[in-house]
Amino acid sequence: ARLLEIARRLARGEDDDGEDEDEDGEEGCRKHREPLEVFCKEDAALLCAICRESRAHRGHTVLPVPDVVREYK
């Protein structure tokens, strides 16, 4: 349910807190300014490619966002 809500917010242009995206129109990873492409199942978090390769998530199971949305629907 959390993943679906995050996906809905991103589709509406809102960030994870339910607020509108930054004025410059960027969305995605706040740290790296990259698109959120995968979902980490262990942390239940959307990740960019750079975060995905970090030590924190390297050993975790990650799936493409569209696959996860279909799975959780």
PDB file of N, CA and C in Angstrom:
ATOM      1  N   ALA A   1       0.826  -1.185   0.000  1.00  0.00           N
ATOM      2  CA  ALA A   1       0.000   0.000   0.000  1.00  0.00           C
ATOM      3  C   ALA A   1       0.875   1.255   0.000  1.00  0.00           C
ATOM      4  N   ARG A   2       1.960   1.217   0.761  1.00  0.00           N
ATOM      5  CA  ARG A   2       2.860   2.381   0.813  1.00  0.00           C
ATOM      6  C   ARG A   2       3.478   2.637  -0.554  1.00  0.00           C
ATOM      7  N   LEU A   3       3.893   1.583  -1.243  1.00  0.00           N
ATOM      8  CA  LEU A   3       4.485   1.732  -2.562  1.00  0.00           C
ATOM      9  C   LEU A   3       3.494   2.343  -3.541  1.00  0.00           C
ATOM     10  N   LEU A   4       2.268   1.877  -3.521  1.00  0.00           N
ATOM     11  CA  LEU A   4       1.255   2.429  -4.412  1.00  0.00           C
ATOM     12  C   LEU A   4       1.023   3.906  -4.126  1.00  0.00           C
ATOM     13  N   GLU A   5       0.995   4.281  -2.856  1.00  0.00           N
ATOM     14  CA  GLU A   5       0.812   5.686  -2.498  1.00  0.00           C
ATOM     15  C   GLU A   5       1.989   6.525  -2.984  1.00  0.00           C
ATOM     16  N   ILE A   6       3.207   6.022  -2.852  1.00  0.00           N
ATOM     17  CA  ILE A   6       4.384   6.737  -3.335  1.00  0.00           C
ATOM     18  C   ILE A   6       4.306   6.903  -4.849  1.00  0.00           C
ATOM     19  N   ALA A   7       3.944   5.840  -5.553  1.00  0.00           N
ATOM     20  CA  ALA A   7       3.835   5.905  -7.010  1.00  0.00           C
ATOM     21  C   ALA A   7       2.763   6.913  -7.419  1.00  0.00           C
ATOM     22  N   ARG A   8       1.642   6.939  -6.721  1.00  0.00           N
ATOM     23  CA  ARG A   8       0.587   7.903  -7.032  1.00  0.00           C
ATOM     24  C   ARG A   8       1.079   9.328  -6.804  1.00  0.00           C
ATOM     25  N   ARG A   9       1.787   9.559  -5.720  1.00  0.00           N
ATOM     26  CA  ARG A   9       2.305  10.896  -5.429  1.00  0.00           C
ATOM     27  C   ARG A   9       3.315  11.332  -6.476  1.00  0.00           C
ATOM     28  N   LEU A  10       4.189  10.426  -6.878  1.00  0.00           N
ATOM     29  CA  LEU A  10       5.173  10.766  -7.906  1.00  0.00           C
ATOM     30  C   LEU A  10       4.485  11.082  -9.227  1.00  0.00           C
ATOM     31  N   ALA A  11       3.444  10.334  -9.550  1.00  0.00           N
ATOM     32  CA  ALA A  11       2.706  10.583 -10.789  1.00  0.00           C
ATOM     33  C   ALA A  11       2.015  11.949 -10.749  1.00  0.00           C
ATOM     34  N   ARG A  12       1.597  12.389  -9.561  1.00  0.00           N
ATOM     35  CA  ARG A  12       0.952  13.695  -9.411  1.00  0.00           C
ATOM     36  C   ARG A  12       1.962  14.820  -9.256  1.00  0.00           C
ATOM     37  N   GLY A  13       3.250  14.472  -9.163  1.00  0.00           N
ATOM     38  CA  GLY A  13       4.286  15.498  -9.012  1.00  0.00           C
ATOM     39  C   GLY A  13       4.492  15.913  -7.578  1.00  0.00           C
ATOM     40  N   GLU A  14       4.158  15.064  -6.633  1.00  0.00           N
ATOM     41  CA  GLU A  14       4.369  15.358  -5.224  1.00  0.00           C
ATOM     42  C   GLU A  14       5.555  14.561  -4.737  1.00  0.00           C
ATOM     43  N   ASP A  15       6.202  15.063  -3.663  1.00  0.00           N
ATOM     44  CA  ASP A  15       7.293  14.304  -3.088  1.00  0.00           C
ATOM     45  C   ASP A  15       6.744  13.295  -2.082  1.00  0.00           C
ATOM     46  N   ASP A  16       7.623  12.581  -1.412  1.00  0.00           N
ATOM     47  CA  ASP A  16       7.224  11.510  -0.496  1.00  0.00           C
ATOM     48  C   ASP A  16       6.447  12.012   0.713  1.00  0.00           C
ATOM     49  N   ASP A  17       6.520  13.322   1.008  1.00  0.00           N
ATOM     50  CA  ASP A  17       5.793  13.879   2.149  1.00  0.00           C
ATOM     51  C   ASP A  17       4.417  14.378   1.753  1.00  0.00           C
ATOM     52  N   GLY A  18       4.044  14.203   0.478  1.00  0.00           N
ATOM     53  CA  GLY A  18       2.752  14.655   0.012  1.00  0.00           C
ATOM     54  C   GLY A  18       2.753  16.099  -0.432  1.00  0.00           C
ATOM     55  N   GLU A  19       3.920  16.738  -0.477  1.00  0.00           N
ATOM     56  CA  GLU A  19       4.011  18.121  -0.901  1.00  0.00           C
ATOM     57  C   GLU A  19       4.401  18.162  -2.363  1.00  0.00           C
ATOM     58  N   ASP A  20       4.094  19.274  -3.019  1.00  0.00           N
ATOM     59  CA  ASP A  20       4.430  19.414  -4.430  1.00  0.00           C
ATOM     60  C   ASP A  20       5.936  19.373  -4.617  1.00  0.00           C
ATOM     61  N   GLU A  21       6.342  18.964  -5.831  1.00  0.00           N
ATOM     62  CA  GLU A  21       7.764  18.877  -6.125  1.00  0.00           C
ATOM     63  C   GLU A  21       8.390  20.257  -6.088  1.00  0.00           C
ATOM     64  N   ASP A  22       9.700  20.328  -6.128  1.00  0.00           N
ATOM     65  CA  ASP A  22      10.426  21.590  -6.091  1.00  0.00           C
ATOM     66  C   ASP A  22       9.985  22.504  -7.224  1.00  0.00           C
ATOM     67  N   GLU A  23      10.179  23.805  -7.034  1.00  0.00           N
ATOM     68  CA  GLU A  23       9.768  24.784  -8.020  1.00  0.00           C
ATOM     69  C   GLU A  23      10.433  24.574  -9.371  1.00  0.00           C
ATOM     70  N   ASP A  24      11.657  24.043  -9.390  1.00  0.00           N
ATOM     71  CA  ASP A  24      12.356  23.863 -10.656  1.00  0.00           C
ATOM     72  C   ASP A  24      11.850  22.629 -11.411  1.00  0.00           C
ATOM     73  N   GLY A  25      10.899  21.892 -10.851  1.00  0.00           N
ATOM     74  CA  GLY A  25      10.277  20.784 -11.554  1.00  0.00           C
ATOM     75  C   GLY A  25      11.009  19.461 -11.453  1.00  0.00           C
ATOM     76  N   GLU A  26      12.095  19.400 -10.696  1.00  0.00           N
ATOM     77  CA  GLU A  26      12.833  18.152 -10.585  1.00  0.00           C
ATOM     78  C   GLU A  26      12.144  17.215  -9.615  1.00  0.00           C
ATOM     79  N   GLU A  27      12.220  15.932  -9.940  1.00  0.00           N
ATOM     80  CA  GLU A  27      11.722  14.923  -9.023  1.00  0.00           C
ATOM     81  C   GLU A  27      12.697  13.768  -9.057  1.00  0.00           C
ATOM     82  N   GLY A  28      12.638  12.939  -8.059  1.00  0.00           N
ATOM     83  CA  GLY A  28      13.545  11.806  -7.998  1.00  0.00           C
ATOM     84  C   GLY A  28      14.318  11.814  -6.703  1.00  0.00           C
ATOM     85  N   CYS A  29      15.480  11.221  -6.741  1.00  0.00           N
ATOM     86  CA  CYS A  29      16.330  11.105  -5.562  1.00  0.00           C
ATOM     87  C   CYS A  29      16.750  12.495  -5.088  1.00  0.00           C
ATOM     88  N   ARG A  30      16.482  12.780  -3.849  1.00  0.00           N
ATOM     89  CA  ARG A  30      16.842  14.090  -3.289  1.00  0.00           C
ATOM     90  C   ARG A  30      18.344  14.256  -3.151  1.00  0.00           C
ATOM     91  N   LYS A  31      19.049  13.156  -2.950  1.00  0.00           N
ATOM     92  CA  LYS A  31      20.490  13.231  -2.744  1.00  0.00           C
ATOM     93  C   LYS A  31      21.249  13.347  -4.067  1.00  0.00           C
ATOM     94  N   HIS A  32      20.836  12.556  -5.067  1.00  0.00           N
ATOM     95  CA  HIS A  32      21.579  12.494  -6.321  1.00  0.00           C
ATOM     96  C   HIS A  32      20.876  13.152  -7.505  1.00  0.00           C
ATOM     97  N   ARG A  33      19.628  13.574  -7.323  1.00  0.00           N
ATOM     98  CA  ARG A  33      18.850  14.201  -8.405  1.00  0.00           C
ATOM     99  C   ARG A  33      18.705  13.280  -9.616  1.00  0.00           C
ATOM    100  N   GLU A  34      18.604  11.982  -9.354  1.00  0.00           N
ATOM    101  CA  GLU A  34      18.428  10.969 -10.396  1.00  0.00           C
ATOM    102  C   GLU A  34      17.007  10.423 -10.308  1.00  0.00           C
ATOM    103  N   PRO A  35      16.473   9.869 -11.397  1.00  0.00           N
ATOM    104  CA  PRO A  35      15.134   9.281 -11.349  1.00  0.00           C
ATOM    105  C   PRO A  35      15.096   8.053 -10.445  1.00  0.00           C
ATOM    106  N   LEU A  36      13.970   7.867  -9.779  1.00  0.00           N
ATOM    107  CA  LEU A  36      13.769   6.705  -8.922  1.00  0.00           C
ATOM    108  C   LEU A  36      13.320   5.556  -9.815  1.00  0.00           C
ATOM    109  N   GLU A  37      14.214   4.594 -10.016  1.00  0.00           N
ATOM    110  CA  GLU A  37      13.981   3.546 -11.004  1.00  0.00           C
ATOM    111  C   GLU A  37      13.685   2.186 -10.413  1.00  0.00           C
ATOM    112  N   VAL A  38      14.124   1.927  -9.184  1.00  0.00           N
ATOM    113  CA  VAL A  38      13.953   0.603  -8.591  1.00  0.00           C
ATOM    114  C   VAL A  38      13.398   0.719  -7.177  1.00  0.00           C
ATOM    115  N   PHE A  39      12.852  -0.393  -6.692  1.00  0.00           N
ATOM    116  CA  PHE A  39      12.274  -0.471  -5.356  1.00  0.00           C
ATOM    117  C   PHE A  39      13.039  -1.505  -4.552  1.00  0.00           C
ATOM    118  N   CYS A  40      13.531  -1.119  -3.388  1.00  0.00           N
ATOM    119  CA  CYS A  40      14.233  -2.024  -2.481  1.00  0.00           C
ATOM    120  C   CYS A  40      13.197  -2.697  -1.585  1.00  0.00           C
ATOM    121  N   LYS A  41      13.072  -4.012  -1.721  1.00  0.00           N
ATOM    122  CA  LYS A  41      12.065  -4.735  -0.942  1.00  0.00           C
ATOM    123  C   LYS A  41      12.395  -4.739   0.551  1.00  0.00           C
ATOM    124  N   GLU A  42      13.670  -4.853   0.905  1.00  0.00           N
ATOM    125  CA  GLU A  42      14.047  -4.912   2.310  1.00  0.00           C
ATOM    126  C   GLU A  42      13.734  -3.614   3.047  1.00  0.00           C
ATOM    127  N   ASP A  43      13.969  -2.475   2.383  1.00  0.00           N
ATOM    128  CA  ASP A  43      13.756  -1.183   3.032  1.00  0.00           C
ATOM    129  C   ASP A  43      12.449  -0.518   2.616  1.00  0.00           C
ATOM    130  N   ALA A  44      11.718  -1.133   1.696  1.00  0.00           N
ATOM    131  CA  ALA A  44      10.465  -0.569   1.172  1.00  0.00           C
ATOM    132  C   ALA A  44      10.681   0.881   0.739  1.00  0.00           C
ATOM    133  N   ALA A  45      11.718   1.060  -0.113  1.00  0.00           N
ATOM    134  CA  ALA A  45      12.085   2.409  -0.542  1.00  0.00           C
ATOM    135  C   ALA A  45      12.359   2.436  -2.035  1.00  0.00           C
ATOM    136  N   LEU A  46      11.991   3.556  -2.656  1.00  0.00           N
ATOM    137  CA  LEU A  46      12.338   3.784  -4.058  1.00  0.00           C
ATOM    138  C   LEU A  46      13.768   4.297  -4.109  1.00  0.00           C
ATOM    139  N   LEU A  47      14.551   3.805  -5.083  1.00  0.00           N
ATOM    140  CA  LEU A  47      15.960   4.156  -5.179  1.00  0.00           C
ATOM    141  C   LEU A  47      16.331   4.605  -6.581  1.00  0.00           C
ATOM    142  N   CYS A  48      17.339   5.474  -6.652  1.00  0.00           N
ATOM    143  CA  CYS A  48      17.927   5.819  -7.945  1.00  0.00           C
ATOM    144  C   CYS A  48      19.046   4.803  -8.215  1.00  0.00           C
ATOM    145  N   ALA A  49      19.637   4.878  -9.402  1.00  0.00           N
ATOM    146  CA  ALA A  49      20.702   3.941  -9.770  1.00  0.00           C
ATOM    147  C   ALA A  49      21.913   4.074  -8.856  1.00  0.00           C
ATOM    148  N   ILE A  50      22.227   5.282  -8.434  1.00  0.00           N
ATOM    149  CA  ILE A  50      23.390   5.502  -7.569  1.00  0.00           C
ATOM    150  C   ILE A  50      23.144   4.922  -6.178  1.00  0.00           C
ATOM    151  N   CYS A  51      21.964   5.173  -5.621  1.00  0.00           N
ATOM    152  CA  CYS A  51      21.623   4.619  -4.302  1.00  0.00           C
ATOM    153  C   CYS A  51      21.583   3.092  -4.352  1.00  0.00           C
ATOM    154  N   ARG A  52      21.114   2.553  -5.459  1.00  0.00           N
ATOM    155  CA  ARG A  52      21.000   1.107  -5.618  1.00  0.00           C
ATOM    156  C   ARG A  52      22.373   0.440  -5.475  1.00  0.00           C
ATOM    157  N   GLU A  53      23.416   1.098  -5.954  1.00  0.00           N
ATOM    158  CA  GLU A  53      24.767   0.543  -5.911  1.00  0.00           C
ATOM    159  C   GLU A  53      25.504   0.854  -4.607  1.00  0.00           C
ATOM    160  N   SER A  54      24.885   1.613  -3.721  1.00  0.00           N
ATOM    161  CA  SER A  54      25.535   1.949  -2.457  1.00  0.00           C
ATOM    162  C   SER A  54      25.624   0.719  -1.557  1.00  0.00           C
ATOM    163  N   ARG A  55      26.486   0.782  -0.582  1.00  0.00           N
ATOM    164  CA  ARG A  55      26.646  -0.341   0.356  1.00  0.00           C
ATOM    165  C   ARG A  55      25.358  -0.654   1.093  1.00  0.00           C
ATOM    166  N   ALA A  56      24.561   0.361   1.336  1.00  0.00           N
ATOM    167  CA  ALA A  56      23.328   0.177   2.108  1.00  0.00           C
ATOM    168  C   ALA A  56      22.324  -0.727   1.399  1.00  0.00           C
ATOM    169  N   HIS A  57      22.360  -0.774   0.072  1.00  0.00           N
ATOM    170  CA  HIS A  57      21.358  -1.537  -0.674  1.00  0.00           C
ATOM    171  C   HIS A  57      21.953  -2.593  -1.602  1.00  0.00           C
ATOM    172  N   ARG A  58      23.252  -2.655  -1.710  1.00  0.00           N
ATOM    173  CA  ARG A  58      23.903  -3.540  -2.680  1.00  0.00           C
ATOM    174  C   ARG A  58      23.452  -4.995  -2.558  1.00  0.00           C
ATOM    175  N   GLY A  59      23.286  -5.494  -1.362  1.00  0.00           N
ATOM    176  CA  GLY A  59      22.897  -6.891  -1.167  1.00  0.00           C
ATOM    177  C   GLY A  59      21.399  -7.120  -1.085  1.00  0.00           C
ATOM    178  N   HIS A  60      20.615  -6.078  -1.259  1.00  0.00           N
ATOM    179  CA  HIS A  60      19.163  -6.182  -1.136  1.00  0.00           C
ATOM    180  C   HIS A  60      18.506  -6.588  -2.455  1.00  0.00           C
ATOM    181  N   THR A  61      17.292  -7.087  -2.338  1.00  0.00           N
ATOM    182  CA  THR A  61      16.491  -7.412  -3.500  1.00  0.00           C
ATOM    183  C   THR A  61      15.845  -6.142  -4.018  1.00  0.00           C
ATOM    184  N   VAL A  62      16.119  -5.800  -5.270  1.00  0.00           N
ATOM    185  CA  VAL A  62      15.508  -4.624  -5.879  1.00  0.00           C
ATOM    186  C   VAL A  62      14.820  -5.035  -7.174  1.00  0.00           C
ATOM    187  N   LEU A  63      13.720  -4.373  -7.456  1.00  0.00           N
ATOM    188  CA  LEU A  63      12.936  -4.646  -8.655  1.00  0.00           C
ATOM    189  C   LEU A  63      12.594  -3.338  -9.348  1.00  0.00           C
ATOM    190  N   PRO A  64      12.398  -3.378 -10.670  1.00  0.00           N
ATOM    191  CA  PRO A  64      11.944  -2.167 -11.366  1.00  0.00           C
ATOM    192  C   PRO A  64      10.591  -1.723 -10.823  1.00  0.00           C
ATOM    193  N   VAL A  65      10.386  -0.420 -10.730  1.00  0.00           N
ATOM    194  CA  VAL A  65       9.157   0.129 -10.152  1.00  0.00           C
ATOM    195  C   VAL A  65       7.896  -0.410 -10.832  1.00  0.00           C
ATOM    196  N   PRO A  66       7.810  -0.448 -12.180  1.00  0.00           N
ATOM    197  CA  PRO A  66       6.566  -0.946 -12.786  1.00  0.00           C
ATOM    198  C   PRO A  66       6.232  -2.398 -12.380  1.00  0.00           C
ATOM    199  N   ASP A  67       7.259  -3.232 -12.231  1.00  0.00           N
ATOM    200  CA  ASP A  67       7.029  -4.617 -11.811  1.00  0.00           C
ATOM    201  C   ASP A  67       6.471  -4.670 -10.394  1.00  0.00           C
ATOM    202  N   VAL A  68       7.007  -3.830  -9.526  1.00  0.00           N
ATOM    203  CA  VAL A  68       6.584  -3.821  -8.122  1.00  0.00           C
ATOM    204  C   VAL A  68       5.154  -3.307  -8.011  1.00  0.00           C
ATOM    205  N   VAL A  69       4.814  -2.275  -8.780  1.00  0.00           N
ATOM    206  CA  VAL A  69       3.454  -1.738  -8.741  1.00  0.00           C
ATOM    207  C   VAL A  69       2.459  -2.821  -9.148  1.00  0.00           C
ATOM    208  N   ARG A  70       2.779  -3.552 -10.226  1.00  0.00           N
ATOM    209  CA  ARG A  70       1.882  -4.657 -10.648  1.00  0.00           C
ATOM    210  C   ARG A  70       1.792  -5.717  -9.564  1.00  0.00           C
ATOM    211  N   GLU A  71       2.908  -6.046  -8.933  1.00  0.00           N
ATOM    212  CA  GLU A  71       2.937  -7.087  -7.898  1.00  0.00           C
ATOM    213  C   GLU A  71       2.088  -6.699  -6.691  1.00  0.00           C
ATOM    214  N   TYR A  72       2.189  -5.435  -6.270  1.00  0.00           N
ATOM    215  CA  TYR A  72       1.478  -5.001  -5.074  1.00  0.00           C
ATOM    216  C   TYR A  72       0.018  -4.635  -5.334  1.00  0.00           C
ATOM    217  N   LYS A  73      -0.361  -4.425  -6.610  1.00  0.00           N
ATOM    218  CA  LYS A  73      -1.755  -4.147  -6.925  1.00  0.00           C
ATOM    219  C   LYS A  73      -2.574  -5.374  -6.599  1.00  0.00           C
TER     220      LYS A  73
END
